[in-house]
Every structure is written in C-alpha cells, then in structure tokens.
Amino acid sequence: MSETRKPGLLQKLAMLKDHKKELFWVWVAYQTVKGMMTTSLIWIPLLYALKNFG
C-alpha cells in the first residue's frame, strides 16, 4: 500500500495531525459561538424569568 493511499481511519488521523493548528482555532471559534448561544438562549431568559416570576 502506498503512503498516499492510507485506509480511512489512518488517513483521517494524518489529516488531523497535518492541520492541528487550524483545527484548534476552528474548535475555539465553535466553543465561543456555543457559549454565546447558551448564554443568550438559556441563561438570560432563565434569569429574567426567575427575577420577574419567581
């Protein structure tokens, strides 16, 4: 088997290893968006409801 034609899992692991810096920043951006959405869609309405109706 040639080096460029690796089976599925090994090929994906090699891609992750080759692009780990870029993927780290994609992960940071994802966590930032997820945190902002959680705050705005869950915690703010919950605190508002507790303050006004609780």
C-alpha atoms as a PDB file:
ATOM      1  CA  MET A   1       0.000   0.000   0.000  1.00  0.00           C
ATOM      2  CA  SER A   2       1.467   3.347  -0.948  1.00  0.00           C
ATOM      3  CA  GLU A   3       1.936   6.146   1.581  1.00  0.00           C
ATOM      4  CA  THR A   4      -0.616   8.424  -0.128  1.00  0.00           C
ATOM      5  CA  ARG A   5      -3.393   5.814  -0.115  1.00  0.00           C
ATOM      6  CA  LYS A   6      -3.961   5.032   3.561  1.00  0.00           C
ATOM      7  CA  PRO A   7      -7.118   3.329   4.787  1.00  0.00           C
ATOM      8  CA  GLY A   8      -9.913   5.535   6.105  1.00  0.00           C
ATOM      9  CA  LEU A   9      -9.037   5.953   9.786  1.00  0.00           C
ATOM     10  CA  LEU A  10      -5.303   6.373   9.256  1.00  0.00           C
ATOM     11  CA  GLN A  11      -5.952   8.903   6.505  1.00  0.00           C
ATOM     12  CA  LYS A  12      -8.242  10.919   8.793  1.00  0.00           C
ATOM     13  CA  LEU A  13      -5.725  10.813  11.637  1.00  0.00           C
ATOM     14  CA  ALA A  14      -2.987  12.002   9.292  1.00  0.00           C
ATOM     15  CA  MET A  15      -5.211  14.878   8.151  1.00  0.00           C
ATOM     16  CA  LEU A  16      -5.848  15.876  11.781  1.00  0.00           C
ATOM     17  CA  LYS A  17      -2.125  15.759  12.526  1.00  0.00           C
ATOM     18  CA  ASP A  18      -1.314  17.868   9.455  1.00  0.00           C
ATOM     19  CA  HIS A  19      -3.949  20.533  10.236  1.00  0.00           C
ATOM     20  CA  LYS A  20      -3.978  20.627  14.037  1.00  0.00           C
ATOM     21  CA  LYS A  21      -3.254  24.373  14.361  1.00  0.00           C
ATOM     22  CA  GLU A  22      -6.073  25.326  12.008  1.00  0.00           C
ATOM     23  CA  LEU A  23      -8.448  22.844  13.619  1.00  0.00           C
ATOM     24  CA  PHE A  24      -7.609  24.184  17.075  1.00  0.00           C
ATOM     25  CA  TRP A  25      -8.835  27.657  16.046  1.00  0.00           C
ATOM     26  CA  VAL A  26     -11.940  26.164  14.448  1.00  0.00           C
ATOM     27  CA  TRP A  27     -12.614  24.430  17.774  1.00  0.00           C
ATOM     28  CA  VAL A  28     -12.070  27.705  19.712  1.00  0.00           C
ATOM     29  CA  ALA A  29     -14.485  29.530  17.403  1.00  0.00           C
ATOM     30  CA  TYR A  30     -17.065  26.741  17.795  1.00  0.00           C
ATOM     31  CA  GLN A  31     -16.822  26.849  21.595  1.00  0.00           C
ATOM     32  CA  THR A  32     -17.178  30.655  21.550  1.00  0.00           C
ATOM     33  CA  VAL A  33     -20.332  30.531  19.426  1.00  0.00           C
ATOM     34  CA  LYS A  34     -21.738  27.669  21.500  1.00  0.00           C
ATOM     35  CA  GLY A  35     -21.110  29.601  24.715  1.00  0.00           C
ATOM     36  CA  MET A  36     -22.731  32.779  23.404  1.00  0.00           C
ATOM     37  CA  MET A  37     -25.780  30.853  22.212  1.00  0.00           C
ATOM     38  CA  THR A  38     -26.108  29.017  25.514  1.00  0.00           C
ATOM     39  CA  THR A  39     -25.891  32.303  27.394  1.00  0.00           C
ATOM     40  CA  SER A  40     -28.353  34.166  25.202  1.00  0.00           C
ATOM     41  CA  LEU A  41     -30.893  31.373  24.639  1.00  0.00           C
ATOM     42  CA  ILE A  42     -30.869  29.661  28.038  1.00  0.00           C
ATOM     43  CA  TRP A  43     -29.329  31.640  30.891  1.00  0.00           C
ATOM     44  CA  ILE A  44     -30.598  35.156  30.109  1.00  0.00           C
ATOM     45  CA  PRO A  45     -34.246  34.045  29.708  1.00  0.00           C
ATOM     46  CA  LEU A  46     -33.934  31.831  32.794  1.00  0.00           C
ATOM     47  CA  LEU A  47     -32.566  34.646  34.941  1.00  0.00           C
ATOM     48  CA  TYR A  48     -35.237  37.015  33.576  1.00  0.00           C
ATOM     49  CA  ALA A  49     -37.980  34.522  34.414  1.00  0.00           C
ATOM     50  CA  LEU A  50     -36.617  33.940  37.908  1.00  0.00           C
ATOM     51  CA  LYS A  51     -36.349  37.650  38.557  1.00  0.00           C
ATOM     52  CA  ASN A  52     -39.833  38.552  37.319  1.00  0.00           C
ATOM     53  CA  PHE A  53     -41.894  35.443  38.037  1.00  0.00           C
ATOM     54  CA  GLY A  54     -40.037  33.596  40.773  1.00  0.00           C
END
